[in-house]
Amino acid sequence: MTPEKMASMDPVMLMSMVNMKIRDEFGDLDNYVKFYELDKDALIKKLADAGFDYLEEAKQFR
């Protein structure tokens, strides 16, 4: 995942993929964004603009 791909990806597909990667590989959002060198705030904003919030306790976007 590159920042460019994140910016251009459909938000529903992005949310689904990020949740799967967090669940299966990274454990939390911080590890995910660090591995891919993504801007955490930009990712959260993109998904929030589409109606998804990151729930820290659930470790997923909903």
PDB file of N, CA and C in Angstrom:
ATOM      1  N   MET A   1       0.851  -1.176   0.000  1.00  0.00           N
ATOM      2  CA  MET A   1       0.000   0.000   0.000  1.00  0.00           C
ATOM      3  C   MET A   1       0.895   1.236   0.000  1.00  0.00           C
ATOM      4  N   THR A   2       0.667   2.055  -0.962  1.00  0.00           N
ATOM      5  CA  THR A   2       1.403   3.322  -1.034  1.00  0.00           C
ATOM      6  C   THR A   2       0.451   4.454  -0.665  1.00  0.00           C
ATOM      7  N   PRO A   3       0.990   5.603  -0.267  1.00  0.00           N
ATOM      8  CA  PRO A   3       0.108   6.744   0.007  1.00  0.00           C
ATOM      9  C   PRO A   3      -0.754   7.119  -1.195  1.00  0.00           C
ATOM     10  N   GLU A   4      -0.205   7.002  -2.396  1.00  0.00           N
ATOM     11  CA  GLU A   4      -0.959   7.322  -3.605  1.00  0.00           C
ATOM     12  C   GLU A   4      -2.125   6.359  -3.803  1.00  0.00           C
ATOM     13  N   LYS A   5      -1.872   5.075  -3.589  1.00  0.00           N
ATOM     14  CA  LYS A   5      -2.925   4.066  -3.735  1.00  0.00           C
ATOM     15  C   LYS A   5      -4.003   4.288  -2.684  1.00  0.00           C
ATOM     16  N   MET A   6      -3.589   4.602  -1.448  1.00  0.00           N
ATOM     17  CA  MET A   6      -4.549   4.864  -0.386  1.00  0.00           C
ATOM     18  C   MET A   6      -5.457   6.033  -0.771  1.00  0.00           C
ATOM     19  N   ALA A   7      -4.874   7.088  -1.314  1.00  0.00           N
ATOM     20  CA  ALA A   7      -5.631   8.290  -1.663  1.00  0.00           C
ATOM     21  C   ALA A   7      -6.640   8.031  -2.783  1.00  0.00           C
ATOM     22  N   SER A   8      -6.314   7.126  -3.688  1.00  0.00           N
ATOM     23  CA  SER A   8      -7.182   6.895  -4.841  1.00  0.00           C
ATOM     24  C   SER A   8      -8.160   5.733  -4.656  1.00  0.00           C
ATOM     25  N   MET A   9      -7.992   4.955  -3.610  1.00  0.00           N
ATOM     26  CA  MET A   9      -8.802   3.755  -3.420  1.00  0.00           C
ATOM     27  C   MET A   9     -10.217   4.096  -2.950  1.00  0.00           C
ATOM     28  N   ASP A  10     -11.176   3.322  -3.408  1.00  0.00           N
ATOM     29  CA  ASP A  10     -12.550   3.441  -2.939  1.00  0.00           C
ATOM     30  C   ASP A  10     -12.568   3.268  -1.415  1.00  0.00           C
ATOM     31  N   PRO A  11     -13.227   4.174  -0.677  1.00  0.00           N
ATOM     32  CA  PRO A  11     -13.177   4.116   0.786  1.00  0.00           C
ATOM     33  C   PRO A  11     -13.737   2.830   1.392  1.00  0.00           C
ATOM     34  N   VAL A  12     -14.761   2.249   0.789  1.00  0.00           N
ATOM     35  CA  VAL A  12     -15.327   1.012   1.330  1.00  0.00           C
ATOM     36  C   VAL A  12     -14.325  -0.137   1.174  1.00  0.00           C
ATOM     37  N   MET A  13     -13.698  -0.214   0.016  1.00  0.00           N
ATOM     38  CA  MET A  13     -12.675  -1.252  -0.200  1.00  0.00           C
ATOM     39  C   MET A  13     -11.474  -1.020   0.722  1.00  0.00           C
ATOM     40  N   LEU A  14     -11.073   0.246   0.868  1.00  0.00           N
ATOM     41  CA  LEU A  14      -9.948   0.586   1.743  1.00  0.00           C
ATOM     42  C   LEU A  14     -10.249   0.180   3.174  1.00  0.00           C
ATOM     43  N   MET A  15     -11.436   0.519   3.671  1.00  0.00           N
ATOM     44  CA  MET A  15     -11.806   0.159   5.036  1.00  0.00           C
ATOM     45  C   MET A  15     -11.767  -1.349   5.237  1.00  0.00           C
ATOM     46  N   SER A  16     -12.307  -2.085   4.286  1.00  0.00           N
ATOM     47  CA  SER A  16     -12.320  -3.540   4.378  1.00  0.00           C
ATOM     48  C   SER A  16     -10.901  -4.108   4.400  1.00  0.00           C
ATOM     49  N   MET A  17     -10.064  -3.616   3.512  1.00  0.00           N
ATOM     50  CA  MET A  17      -8.694  -4.108   3.440  1.00  0.00           C
ATOM     51  C   MET A  17      -7.905  -3.760   4.704  1.00  0.00           C
ATOM     52  N   VAL A  18      -8.031  -2.517   5.174  1.00  0.00           N
ATOM     53  CA  VAL A  18      -7.304  -2.105   6.376  1.00  0.00           C
ATOM     54  C   VAL A  18      -7.745  -2.945   7.567  1.00  0.00           C
ATOM     55  N   ASN A  19      -9.046  -3.138   7.739  1.00  0.00           N
ATOM     56  CA  ASN A  19      -9.524  -3.957   8.855  1.00  0.00           C
ATOM     57  C   ASN A  19      -8.981  -5.383   8.778  1.00  0.00           C
ATOM     58  N   MET A  20      -8.960  -5.960   7.581  1.00  0.00           N
ATOM     59  CA  MET A  20      -8.435  -7.311   7.423  1.00  0.00           C
ATOM     60  C   MET A  20      -6.948  -7.372   7.773  1.00  0.00           C
ATOM     61  N   LYS A  21      -6.180  -6.396   7.272  1.00  0.00           N
ATOM     62  CA  LYS A  21      -4.739  -6.380   7.546  1.00  0.00           C
ATOM     63  C   LYS A  21      -4.459  -6.190   9.032  1.00  0.00           C
ATOM     64  N   ILE A  22      -5.219  -5.294   9.684  1.00  0.00           N
ATOM     65  CA  ILE A  22      -5.034  -5.094  11.125  1.00  0.00           C
ATOM     66  C   ILE A  22      -5.335  -6.393  11.866  1.00  0.00           C
ATOM     67  N   ARG A  23      -6.449  -7.015  11.522  1.00  0.00           N
ATOM     68  CA  ARG A  23      -6.854  -8.258  12.193  1.00  0.00           C
ATOM     69  C   ARG A  23      -5.863  -9.395  11.949  1.00  0.00           C
ATOM     70  N   ASP A  24      -5.435  -9.582  10.705  1.00  0.00           N
ATOM     71  CA  ASP A  24      -4.645 -10.756  10.351  1.00  0.00           C
ATOM     72  C   ASP A  24      -3.135 -10.591  10.504  1.00  0.00           C
ATOM     73  N   GLU A  25      -2.631  -9.343  10.402  1.00  0.00           N
ATOM     74  CA  GLU A  25      -1.186  -9.173  10.354  1.00  0.00           C
ATOM     75  C   GLU A  25      -0.599  -8.178  11.352  1.00  0.00           C
ATOM     76  N   PHE A  26      -1.306  -7.091  11.644  1.00  0.00           N
ATOM     77  CA  PHE A  26      -0.653  -5.996  12.350  1.00  0.00           C
ATOM     78  C   PHE A  26      -1.118  -5.756  13.780  1.00  0.00           C
ATOM     79  N   GLY A  27      -2.303  -6.174  14.146  1.00  0.00           N
ATOM     80  CA  GLY A  27      -2.759  -6.023  15.518  1.00  0.00           C
ATOM     81  C   GLY A  27      -3.370  -4.680  15.859  1.00  0.00           C
ATOM     82  N   ASP A  28      -2.891  -3.603  15.248  1.00  0.00           N
ATOM     83  CA  ASP A  28      -3.492  -2.291  15.477  1.00  0.00           C
ATOM     84  C   ASP A  28      -3.139  -1.340  14.340  1.00  0.00           C
ATOM     85  N   LEU A  29      -3.822  -0.209  14.332  1.00  0.00           N
ATOM     86  CA  LEU A  29      -3.648   0.762  13.258  1.00  0.00           C
ATOM     87  C   LEU A  29      -2.243   1.349  13.235  1.00  0.00           C
ATOM     88  N   ASP A  30      -1.664   1.599  14.390  1.00  0.00           N
ATOM     89  CA  ASP A  30      -0.316   2.182  14.437  1.00  0.00           C
ATOM     90  C   ASP A  30       0.712   1.299  13.733  1.00  0.00           C
ATOM     91  N   ASN A  31       0.666   0.006  13.972  1.00  0.00           N
ATOM     92  CA  ASN A  31       1.601  -0.909  13.307  1.00  0.00           C
ATOM     93  C   ASN A  31       1.367  -0.948  11.803  1.00  0.00           C
ATOM     94  N   TYR A  32       0.108  -0.893  11.397  1.00  0.00           N
ATOM     95  CA  TYR A  32      -0.237  -0.905   9.970  1.00  0.00           C
ATOM     96  C   TYR A  32       0.330   0.317   9.259  1.00  0.00           C
ATOM     97  N   VAL A  33       0.047   1.509   9.779  1.00  0.00           N
ATOM     98  CA  VAL A  33       0.513   2.727   9.095  1.00  0.00           C
ATOM     99  C   VAL A  33       2.036   2.849   9.144  1.00  0.00           C
ATOM    100  N   LYS A  34       2.647   2.379  10.213  1.00  0.00           N
ATOM    101  CA  LYS A  34       4.110   2.422  10.307  1.00  0.00           C
ATOM    102  C   LYS A  34       4.743   1.515   9.248  1.00  0.00           C
ATOM    103  N   PHE A  35       4.218   0.308   9.093  1.00  0.00           N
ATOM    104  CA  PHE A  35       4.776  -0.640   8.131  1.00  0.00           C
ATOM    105  C   PHE A  35       4.708  -0.083   6.706  1.00  0.00           C
ATOM    106  N   TYR A  36       3.568   0.508   6.349  1.00  0.00           N
ATOM    107  CA  TYR A  36       3.383   1.016   4.991  1.00  0.00           C
ATOM    108  C   TYR A  36       3.804   2.476   4.824  1.00  0.00           C
ATOM    109  N   GLU A  37       4.315   3.078   5.897  1.00  0.00           N
ATOM    110  CA  GLU A  37       4.749   4.481   5.885  1.00  0.00           C
ATOM    111  C   GLU A  37       3.627   5.395   5.397  1.00  0.00           C
ATOM    112  N   LEU A  38       2.447   5.216   5.999  1.00  0.00           N
ATOM    113  CA  LEU A  38       1.266   6.009   5.649  1.00  0.00           C
ATOM    114  C   LEU A  38       1.039   7.091   6.699  1.00  0.00           C
ATOM    115  N   ASP A  39       0.361   8.141   6.303  1.00  0.00           N
ATOM    116  CA  ASP A  39      -0.041   9.206   7.212  1.00  0.00           C
ATOM    117  C   ASP A  39      -1.319   8.743   7.918  1.00  0.00           C
ATOM    118  N   LYS A  40      -1.197   8.455   9.203  1.00  0.00           N
ATOM    119  CA  LYS A  40      -2.325   7.932   9.971  1.00  0.00           C
ATOM    120  C   LYS A  40      -3.506   8.899   9.939  1.00  0.00           C
ATOM    121  N   ASP A  41      -3.237  10.180  10.127  1.00  0.00           N
ATOM    122  CA  ASP A  41      -4.312  11.169  10.133  1.00  0.00           C
ATOM    123  C   ASP A  41      -5.025  11.241   8.787  1.00  0.00           C
ATOM    124  N   ALA A  42      -4.276  11.116   7.691  1.00  0.00           N
ATOM    125  CA  ALA A  42      -4.872  11.147   6.358  1.00  0.00           C
ATOM    126  C   ALA A  42      -5.768   9.922   6.140  1.00  0.00           C
ATOM    127  N   LEU A  43      -5.326   8.774   6.593  1.00  0.00           N
ATOM    128  CA  LEU A  43      -6.123   7.550   6.474  1.00  0.00           C
ATOM    129  C   LEU A  43      -7.408   7.676   7.284  1.00  0.00           C
ATOM    130  N   ILE A  44      -7.284   8.127   8.529  1.00  0.00           N
ATOM    131  CA  ILE A  44      -8.464   8.284   9.381  1.00  0.00           C
ATOM    132  C   ILE A  44      -9.428   9.289   8.763  1.00  0.00           C
ATOM    133  N   LYS A  45      -8.917  10.395   8.231  1.00  0.00           N
ATOM    134  CA  LYS A  45      -9.779  11.414   7.624  1.00  0.00           C
ATOM    135  C   LYS A  45     -10.487  10.875   6.388  1.00  0.00           C
ATOM    136  N   LYS A  46      -9.749  10.173   5.529  1.00  0.00           N
ATOM    137  CA  LYS A  46     -10.363   9.619   4.311  1.00  0.00           C
ATOM    138  C   LYS A  46     -11.524   8.704   4.671  1.00  0.00           C
ATOM    139  N   LEU A  47     -11.310   7.848   5.655  1.00  0.00           N
ATOM    140  CA  LEU A  47     -12.367   6.920   6.029  1.00  0.00           C
ATOM    141  C   LEU A  47     -13.476   7.614   6.816  1.00  0.00           C
ATOM    142  N   ALA A  48     -13.138   8.611   7.620  1.00  0.00           N
ATOM    143  CA  ALA A  48     -14.161   9.378   8.347  1.00  0.00           C
ATOM    144  C   ALA A  48     -15.057  10.132   7.374  1.00  0.00           C
ATOM    145  N   ASP A  49     -14.465  10.670   6.317  1.00  0.00           N
ATOM    146  CA  ASP A  49     -15.244  11.375   5.298  1.00  0.00           C
ATOM    147  C   ASP A  49     -16.255  10.445   4.620  1.00  0.00           C
ATOM    148  N   ALA A  50     -15.970   9.153   4.634  1.00  0.00           N
ATOM    149  CA  ALA A  50     -16.876   8.168   4.046  1.00  0.00           C
ATOM    150  C   ALA A  50     -17.823   7.575   5.096  1.00  0.00           C
ATOM    151  N   GLY A  51     -17.723   8.063   6.338  1.00  0.00           N
ATOM    152  CA  GLY A  51     -18.633   7.617   7.388  1.00  0.00           C
ATOM    153  C   GLY A  51     -18.098   6.543   8.308  1.00  0.00           C
ATOM    154  N   PHE A  52     -16.804   6.243   8.220  1.00  0.00           N
ATOM    155  CA  PHE A  52     -16.216   5.204   9.064  1.00  0.00           C
ATOM    156  C   PHE A  52     -15.332   5.838  10.135  1.00  0.00           C
ATOM    157  N   ASP A  53     -15.505   5.382  11.368  1.00  0.00           N
ATOM    158  CA  ASP A  53     -14.667   5.843  12.478  1.00  0.00           C
ATOM    159  C   ASP A  53     -13.798   4.700  12.940  1.00  0.00           C
ATOM    160  N   TYR A  54     -12.572   5.043  13.419  1.00  0.00           N
ATOM    161  CA  TYR A  54     -11.699   4.013  13.967  1.00  0.00           C
ATOM    162  C   TYR A  54     -12.044   3.827  15.430  1.00  0.00           C
ATOM    163  N   LEU A  55     -12.392   2.618  15.798  1.00  0.00           N
ATOM    164  CA  LEU A  55     -12.707   2.284  17.183  1.00  0.00           C
ATOM    165  C   LEU A  55     -11.497   1.602  17.794  1.00  0.00           C
ATOM    166  N   GLU A  56     -10.795   2.347  18.630  1.00  0.00           N
ATOM    167  CA  GLU A  56      -9.549   1.864  19.231  1.00  0.00           C
ATOM    168  C   GLU A  56      -9.754   0.555  19.985  1.00  0.00           C
ATOM    169  N   GLU A  57     -10.841   0.460  20.778  1.00  0.00           N
ATOM    170  CA  GLU A  57     -11.069  -0.738  21.570  1.00  0.00           C
ATOM    171  C   GLU A  57     -11.348  -1.971  20.710  1.00  0.00           C
ATOM    172  N   ALA A  58     -11.948  -1.766  19.547  1.00  0.00           N
ATOM    173  CA  ALA A  58     -12.240  -2.877  18.626  1.00  0.00           C
ATOM    174  C   ALA A  58     -11.107  -3.094  17.627  1.00  0.00           C
ATOM    175  N   LYS A  59     -10.223  -2.089  17.512  1.00  0.00           N
ATOM    176  CA  LYS A  59      -9.109  -2.109  16.572  1.00  0.00           C
ATOM    177  C   LYS A  59      -9.597  -2.323  15.132  1.00  0.00           C
ATOM    178  N   GLN A  60     -10.628  -1.538  14.775  1.00  0.00           N
ATOM    179  CA  GLN A  60     -11.138  -1.601  13.411  1.00  0.00           C
ATOM    180  C   GLN A  60     -11.968  -0.347  13.107  1.00  0.00           C
ATOM    181  N   PHE A  61     -12.136  -0.136  11.818  1.00  0.00           N
ATOM    182  CA  PHE A  61     -12.995   0.948  11.344  1.00  0.00           C
ATOM    183  C   PHE A  61     -14.408   0.393  11.232  1.00  0.00           C
ATOM    184  N   ARG A  62     -15.365   1.213  11.624  1.00  0.00           N
ATOM    185  CA  ARG A  62     -16.785   0.839  11.484  1.00  0.00           C
ATOM    186  C   ARG A  62     -17.564   2.061  11.060  1.00  0.00           C
TER     187      ARG A  62
END
